[in-house]
Amino acid sequence: MWQLYFMIYLALAGSSICCFFSYMITLKLALFSSLSLLAVSCSPSVEDYSIPSNYSGALATIEDTYSTKGVRGYLYTVSEINGKRDTVSAFKYVYGGGAVLEFEHASRKIPAERTLVTISAGNVYNADGVALLDSMAGGCRSVSGDIIITPRAGRVYQVKGDLKNKPYSVWLEDKSSGKLLGEKVYSK
């Protein structure tokens, strides 16, 4: 009979211990979640670019460009305008698409006035494994930098670059004339 009482005692004690550990895990998760939320809310946020709502002046257009070579793509794009993140991109990630790269026409309007623009060029991949292997083989190439431009009203400019020859470079040029707008940015 004492064996029955002992088994009941172990069952109750065991469930108490399990409840205690479950409570501690829940407490740790709640603490971790609270700290994570605090960290996110305290971190500085980057504002997305948009033309100021009170702007009524002339506009110019900047287009991304791209090229592909096998499973690697080269993307030439604007990443910031006047310190604000530009969310427009020609690269289109196709979930489940394997290593196939897809791009779409991407452009943004900017005021035809003195503007600080961050332009970037780099490799893009649609599969993480390909990116990892290429980086291990030294194939990853990129360049980014700020230029100050004053685009002309109604003109279309394109981000162009050279990722084949060192130092790598990226620049803006007038789509119709091919003339450089601003300075070229070179890798270090």
C-alpha atoms as a PDB file:
ATOM      1  CA  MET A   1       0.000   0.000   0.000  1.00  0.00           C
ATOM      2  CA  TRP A   2       2.849   2.376   0.757  1.00  0.00           C
ATOM      3  CA  GLN A   3       3.979   1.952  -2.882  1.00  0.00           C
ATOM      4  CA  LEU A   4       0.647   3.438  -4.048  1.00  0.00           C
ATOM      5  CA  TYR A   5       1.037   6.445  -1.740  1.00  0.00           C
ATOM      6  CA  PHE A   6       4.628   6.899  -2.916  1.00  0.00           C
ATOM      7  CA  MET A   7       3.567   6.825  -6.613  1.00  0.00           C
ATOM      8  CA  ILE A   8       0.811   9.383  -5.923  1.00  0.00           C
ATOM      9  CA  TYR A   9       3.361  11.548  -4.090  1.00  0.00           C
ATOM     10  CA  LEU A  10       5.811  11.328  -7.027  1.00  0.00           C
ATOM     11  CA  ALA A  11       3.049  12.158  -9.492  1.00  0.00           C
ATOM     12  CA  LEU A  12       1.987  15.209  -7.520  1.00  0.00           C
ATOM     13  CA  ALA A  13       5.539  16.331  -6.824  1.00  0.00           C
ATOM     14  CA  GLY A  14       6.476  15.751 -10.452  1.00  0.00           C
ATOM     15  CA  SER A  15       3.553  17.812 -11.710  1.00  0.00           C
ATOM     16  CA  SER A  16       4.457  20.576  -9.253  1.00  0.00           C
ATOM     17  CA  ILE A  17       8.015  20.576 -10.529  1.00  0.00           C
ATOM     18  CA  CYS A  18       6.768  20.625 -14.126  1.00  0.00           C
ATOM     19  CA  CYS A  19       4.418  23.497 -13.278  1.00  0.00           C
ATOM     20  CA  PHE A  20       7.293  25.361 -11.638  1.00  0.00           C
ATOM     21  CA  PHE A  21       9.543  24.922 -14.684  1.00  0.00           C
ATOM     22  CA  SER A  22       6.690  25.855 -17.011  1.00  0.00           C
ATOM     23  CA  TYR A  23       6.076  28.978 -14.912  1.00  0.00           C
ATOM     24  CA  MET A  24       9.783  29.908 -15.031  1.00  0.00           C
ATOM     25  CA  ILE A  25       9.959  29.429 -18.797  1.00  0.00           C
ATOM     26  CA  THR A  26       6.826  31.553 -19.253  1.00  0.00           C
ATOM     27  CA  LEU A  27       8.318  34.231 -16.996  1.00  0.00           C
ATOM     28  CA  LYS A  28      11.593  34.241 -18.950  1.00  0.00           C
ATOM     29  CA  LEU A  29       9.748  34.463 -22.272  1.00  0.00           C
ATOM     30  CA  ALA A  30       7.634  37.351 -20.999  1.00  0.00           C
ATOM     31  CA  LEU A  31      10.744  39.170 -19.738  1.00  0.00           C
ATOM     32  CA  PHE A  32      12.587  38.547 -23.014  1.00  0.00           C
ATOM     33  CA  SER A  33       9.598  39.759 -25.069  1.00  0.00           C
ATOM     34  CA  SER A  34       9.319  42.907 -22.964  1.00  0.00           C
ATOM     35  CA  LEU A  35      13.021  43.670 -23.336  1.00  0.00           C
ATOM     36  CA  SER A  36      12.853  43.033 -27.095  1.00  0.00           C
ATOM     37  CA  LEU A  37       9.896  45.379 -27.428  1.00  0.00           C
ATOM     38  CA  LEU A  38      11.735  48.023 -25.406  1.00  0.00           C
ATOM     39  CA  ALA A  39      14.849  47.661 -27.567  1.00  0.00           C
ATOM     40  CA  VAL A  40      12.846  48.015 -30.782  1.00  0.00           C
ATOM     41  CA  SER A  41      10.911  51.019 -29.513  1.00  0.00           C
ATOM     42  CA  CYS A  42      14.113  52.757 -28.373  1.00  0.00           C
ATOM     43  CA  SER A  43      16.050  52.168 -31.581  1.00  0.00           C
ATOM     44  CA  PRO A  44      16.082  55.003 -34.112  1.00  0.00           C
ATOM     45  CA  SER A  45      13.777  54.438 -37.048  1.00  0.00           C
ATOM     46  CA  VAL A  46      14.672  55.292 -40.612  1.00  0.00           C
ATOM     47  CA  GLU A  47      12.042  57.286 -42.414  1.00  0.00           C
ATOM     48  CA  ASP A  48      10.962  56.271 -45.915  1.00  0.00           C
ATOM     49  CA  TYR A  49      11.391  58.819 -48.704  1.00  0.00           C
ATOM     50  CA  SER A  50       8.444  60.567 -50.284  1.00  0.00           C
ATOM     51  CA  ILE A  51       8.145  63.882 -52.065  1.00  0.00           C
ATOM     52  CA  PRO A  52       7.175  66.500 -49.473  1.00  0.00           C
ATOM     53  CA  SER A  53       3.406  67.060 -49.507  1.00  0.00           C
ATOM     54  CA  ASN A  54       3.869  70.831 -49.764  1.00  0.00           C
ATOM     55  CA  TYR A  55       6.211  70.571 -52.805  1.00  0.00           C
ATOM     56  CA  SER A  56       4.651  71.881 -56.007  1.00  0.00           C
ATOM     57  CA  GLY A  57       7.745  72.392 -58.161  1.00  0.00           C
ATOM     58  CA  ALA A  58       9.173  70.566 -61.141  1.00  0.00           C
ATOM     59  CA  LEU A  59      10.187  66.908 -60.949  1.00  0.00           C
ATOM     60  CA  ALA A  60      12.843  64.658 -62.456  1.00  0.00           C
ATOM     61  CA  THR A  61      12.923  60.848 -62.593  1.00  0.00           C
ATOM     62  CA  ILE A  62      15.645  58.382 -61.551  1.00  0.00           C
ATOM     63  CA  GLU A  63      15.485  54.800 -62.839  1.00  0.00           C
ATOM     64  CA  ASP A  64      17.255  51.688 -61.547  1.00  0.00           C
ATOM     65  CA  THR A  65      19.183  49.558 -64.024  1.00  0.00           C
ATOM     66  CA  TYR A  66      20.300  45.943 -63.845  1.00  0.00           C
ATOM     67  CA  SER A  67      21.983  43.147 -65.732  1.00  0.00           C
ATOM     68  CA  THR A  68      22.305  39.405 -65.217  1.00  0.00           C
ATOM     69  CA  LYS A  69      25.027  36.845 -65.673  1.00  0.00           C
ATOM     70  CA  GLY A  70      23.918  33.304 -64.908  1.00  0.00           C
ATOM     71  CA  VAL A  71      22.465  33.111 -61.386  1.00  0.00           C
ATOM     72  CA  ARG A  72      24.016  36.450 -60.390  1.00  0.00           C
ATOM     73  CA  GLY A  73      22.437  39.802 -61.037  1.00  0.00           C
ATOM     74  CA  TYR A  74      23.912  43.281 -60.862  1.00  0.00           C
ATOM     75  CA  LEU A  75      21.612  45.967 -59.516  1.00  0.00           C
ATOM     76  CA  TYR A  76      22.279  49.719 -59.767  1.00  0.00           C
ATOM     77  CA  THR A  77      19.871  51.641 -57.565  1.00  0.00           C
ATOM     78  CA  VAL A  78      19.121  54.586 -55.294  1.00  0.00           C
ATOM     79  CA  SER A  79      19.136  53.591 -51.628  1.00  0.00           C
ATOM     80  CA  GLU A  80      18.507  56.984 -49.950  1.00  0.00           C
ATOM     81  CA  ILE A  81      17.250  60.423 -50.924  1.00  0.00           C
ATOM     82  CA  ASN A  82      18.050  63.309 -48.571  1.00  0.00           C
ATOM     83  CA  GLY A  83      18.861  60.810 -45.803  1.00  0.00           C
ATOM     84  CA  LYS A  84      15.562  58.932 -46.111  1.00  0.00           C
ATOM     85  CA  ARG A  85      15.357  55.287 -47.222  1.00  0.00           C
ATOM     86  CA  ASP A  86      14.179  54.748 -50.794  1.00  0.00           C
ATOM     87  CA  THR A  87      11.919  51.689 -50.885  1.00  0.00           C
ATOM     88  CA  VAL A  88      11.739  51.400 -54.691  1.00  0.00           C
ATOM     89  CA  SER A  89      13.757  48.529 -56.194  1.00  0.00           C
ATOM     90  CA  ALA A  90      13.935  46.803 -59.555  1.00  0.00           C
ATOM     91  CA  PHE A  91      14.815  43.469 -57.937  1.00  0.00           C
ATOM     92  CA  LYS A  92      11.808  41.216 -57.559  1.00  0.00           C
ATOM     93  CA  TYR A  93      12.187  38.294 -55.171  1.00  0.00           C
ATOM     94  CA  VAL A  94      10.145  35.365 -56.398  1.00  0.00           C
ATOM     95  CA  TYR A  95       9.410  33.035 -53.485  1.00  0.00           C
ATOM     96  CA  GLY A  96      10.009  29.455 -54.530  1.00  0.00           C
ATOM     97  CA  GLY A  97      11.462  30.590 -57.841  1.00  0.00           C
ATOM     98  CA  GLY A  98      14.797  28.847 -57.317  1.00  0.00           C
ATOM     99  CA  ALA A  99      17.801  30.695 -58.640  1.00  0.00           C
ATOM    100  CA  VAL A 100      15.831  32.552 -61.316  1.00  0.00           C
ATOM    101  CA  LEU A 101      16.363  36.312 -61.140  1.00  0.00           C
ATOM    102  CA  GLU A 102      13.527  38.655 -61.983  1.00  0.00           C
ATOM    103  CA  PHE A 103      13.624  42.407 -62.295  1.00  0.00           C
ATOM    104  CA  GLU A 104      10.946  44.972 -63.043  1.00  0.00           C
ATOM    105  CA  HIS A 105      11.063  48.584 -64.127  1.00  0.00           C
ATOM    106  CA  ALA A 106      11.658  50.776 -61.074  1.00  0.00           C
ATOM    107  CA  SER A 107      11.789  54.543 -60.931  1.00  0.00           C
ATOM    108  CA  ARG A 108      11.126  57.345 -58.500  1.00  0.00           C
ATOM    109  CA  LYS A 109      10.296  61.035 -58.886  1.00  0.00           C
ATOM    110  CA  ILE A 110      12.453  63.599 -57.102  1.00  0.00           C
ATOM    111  CA  PRO A 111      12.248  67.393 -56.919  1.00  0.00           C
ATOM    112  CA  ALA A 112      14.301  69.152 -59.611  1.00  0.00           C
ATOM    113  CA  GLU A 113      16.462  70.887 -57.015  1.00  0.00           C
ATOM    114  CA  ARG A 114      19.697  70.279 -55.116  1.00  0.00           C
ATOM    115  CA  THR A 115      19.354  66.779 -53.616  1.00  0.00           C
ATOM    116  CA  LEU A 116      21.568  64.387 -51.657  1.00  0.00           C
ATOM    117  CA  VAL A 117      21.288  60.907 -53.159  1.00  0.00           C
ATOM    118  CA  THR A 118      22.901  57.657 -52.021  1.00  0.00           C
ATOM    119  CA  ILE A 119      23.489  55.403 -55.010  1.00  0.00           C
ATOM    120  CA  SER A 120      24.493  51.753 -54.780  1.00  0.00           C
ATOM    121  CA  ALA A 121      25.586  48.920 -57.012  1.00  0.00           C
ATOM    122  CA  GLY A 122      25.965  45.292 -56.054  1.00  0.00           C
ATOM    123  CA  ASN A 123      25.314  41.644 -56.714  1.00  0.00           C
ATOM    124  CA  VAL A 124      21.846  40.247 -56.078  1.00  0.00           C
ATOM    125  CA  TYR A 125      20.761  36.631 -55.875  1.00  0.00           C
ATOM    126  CA  ASN A 126      17.426  34.871 -55.624  1.00  0.00           C
ATOM    127  CA  ALA A 127      18.859  31.963 -53.643  1.00  0.00           C
ATOM    128  CA  ASP A 128      20.787  32.188 -50.372  1.00  0.00           C
ATOM    129  CA  GLY A 129      22.960  29.201 -51.209  1.00  0.00           C
ATOM    130  CA  VAL A 130      24.194  30.803 -54.408  1.00  0.00           C
ATOM    131  CA  ALA A 131      24.954  34.046 -52.552  1.00  0.00           C
ATOM    132  CA  LEU A 132      26.867  32.152 -49.861  1.00  0.00           C
ATOM    133  CA  LEU A 133      28.922  30.184 -52.372  1.00  0.00           C
ATOM    134  CA  ASP A 134      29.660  33.291 -54.423  1.00  0.00           C
ATOM    135  CA  SER A 135      30.774  35.233 -51.332  1.00  0.00           C
ATOM    136  CA  MET A 136      33.075  32.364 -50.309  1.00  0.00           C
ATOM    137  CA  ALA A 137      34.585  32.405 -53.806  1.00  0.00           C
ATOM    138  CA  GLY A 138      35.130  36.181 -53.647  1.00  0.00           C
ATOM    139  CA  GLY A 139      32.453  37.005 -56.211  1.00  0.00           C
ATOM    140  CA  CYS A 140      30.474  39.523 -54.160  1.00  0.00           C
ATOM    141  CA  ARG A 141      30.961  43.053 -55.405  1.00  0.00           C
ATOM    142  CA  SER A 142      29.419  46.289 -54.183  1.00  0.00           C
ATOM    143  CA  VAL A 143      29.886  50.028 -54.012  1.00  0.00           C
ATOM    144  CA  SER A 144      27.770  52.754 -52.443  1.00  0.00           C
ATOM    145  CA  GLY A 145      28.119  56.442 -51.741  1.00  0.00           C
ATOM    146  CA  ASP A 146      26.528  59.863 -51.515  1.00  0.00           C
ATOM    147  CA  ILE A 147      26.419  62.407 -54.307  1.00  0.00           C
ATOM    148  CA  ILE A 148      24.830  65.828 -54.468  1.00  0.00           C
ATOM    149  CA  ILE A 149      22.889  66.424 -57.662  1.00  0.00           C
ATOM    150  CA  THR A 150      20.710  69.111 -59.188  1.00  0.00           C
ATOM    151  CA  PRO A 151      18.551  67.300 -61.743  1.00  0.00           C
ATOM    152  CA  ARG A 152      16.823  69.184 -64.547  1.00  0.00           C
ATOM    153  CA  ALA A 153      13.033  69.299 -64.630  1.00  0.00           C
ATOM    154  CA  GLY A 154      11.390  66.622 -66.751  1.00  0.00           C
ATOM    155  CA  ARG A 155      14.630  64.713 -67.370  1.00  0.00           C
ATOM    156  CA  VAL A 156      15.078  60.986 -66.795  1.00  0.00           C
ATOM    157  CA  TYR A 157      18.302  59.771 -65.173  1.00  0.00           C
ATOM    158  CA  GLN A 158      19.564  56.230 -64.704  1.00  0.00           C
ATOM    159  CA  VAL A 159      21.803  54.655 -62.083  1.00  0.00           C
ATOM    160  CA  LYS A 160      24.675  52.960 -63.926  1.00  0.00           C
ATOM    161  CA  GLY A 161      27.795  51.219 -62.725  1.00  0.00           C
ATOM    162  CA  ASP A 162      30.789  49.008 -63.325  1.00  0.00           C
ATOM    163  CA  LEU A 163      31.175  45.923 -61.140  1.00  0.00           C
ATOM    164  CA  LYS A 164      33.559  44.112 -63.475  1.00  0.00           C
ATOM    165  CA  ASN A 165      36.687  46.240 -63.031  1.00  0.00           C
ATOM    166  CA  LYS A 166      38.282  47.401 -59.775  1.00  0.00           C
ATOM    167  CA  PRO A 167      37.722  49.898 -58.336  1.00  0.00           C
ATOM    168  CA  TYR A 168      33.979  49.251 -58.724  1.00  0.00           C
ATOM    169  CA  SER A 169      31.928  52.343 -59.499  1.00  0.00           C
ATOM    170  CA  VAL A 170      28.369  53.667 -59.633  1.00  0.00           C
ATOM    171  CA  TRP A 171      27.007  56.917 -61.091  1.00  0.00           C
ATOM    172  CA  LEU A 172      23.942  58.737 -62.415  1.00  0.00           C
ATOM    173  CA  GLU A 173      23.618  59.644 -66.068  1.00  0.00           C
ATOM    174  CA  ASP A 174      21.047  61.353 -68.265  1.00  0.00           C
ATOM    175  CA  LYS A 175      19.095  58.632 -70.088  1.00  0.00           C
ATOM    176  CA  SER A 176      18.891  60.463 -73.415  1.00  0.00           C
ATOM    177  CA  SER A 177      22.320  62.127 -73.598  1.00  0.00           C
ATOM    178  CA  GLY A 178      24.456  59.783 -71.476  1.00  0.00           C
ATOM    179  CA  LYS A 179      25.948  62.780 -69.641  1.00  0.00           C
ATOM    180  CA  LEU A 180      27.057  62.251 -66.063  1.00  0.00           C
ATOM    181  CA  LEU A 181      24.987  63.897 -63.317  1.00  0.00           C
ATOM    182  CA  GLY A 182      27.076  64.490 -60.191  1.00  0.00           C
ATOM    183  CA  GLU A 183      30.219  62.540 -59.367  1.00  0.00           C
ATOM    184  CA  LYS A 184      31.093  58.884 -59.821  1.00  0.00           C
ATOM    185  CA  VAL A 185      31.359  56.869 -56.605  1.00  0.00           C
ATOM    186  CA  TYR A 186      34.263  54.399 -56.377  1.00  0.00           C
ATOM    187  CA  SER A 187      34.866  51.421 -54.083  1.00  0.00           C
ATOM    188  CA  LYS A 188      37.813  51.571 -51.724  1.00  0.00           C
END
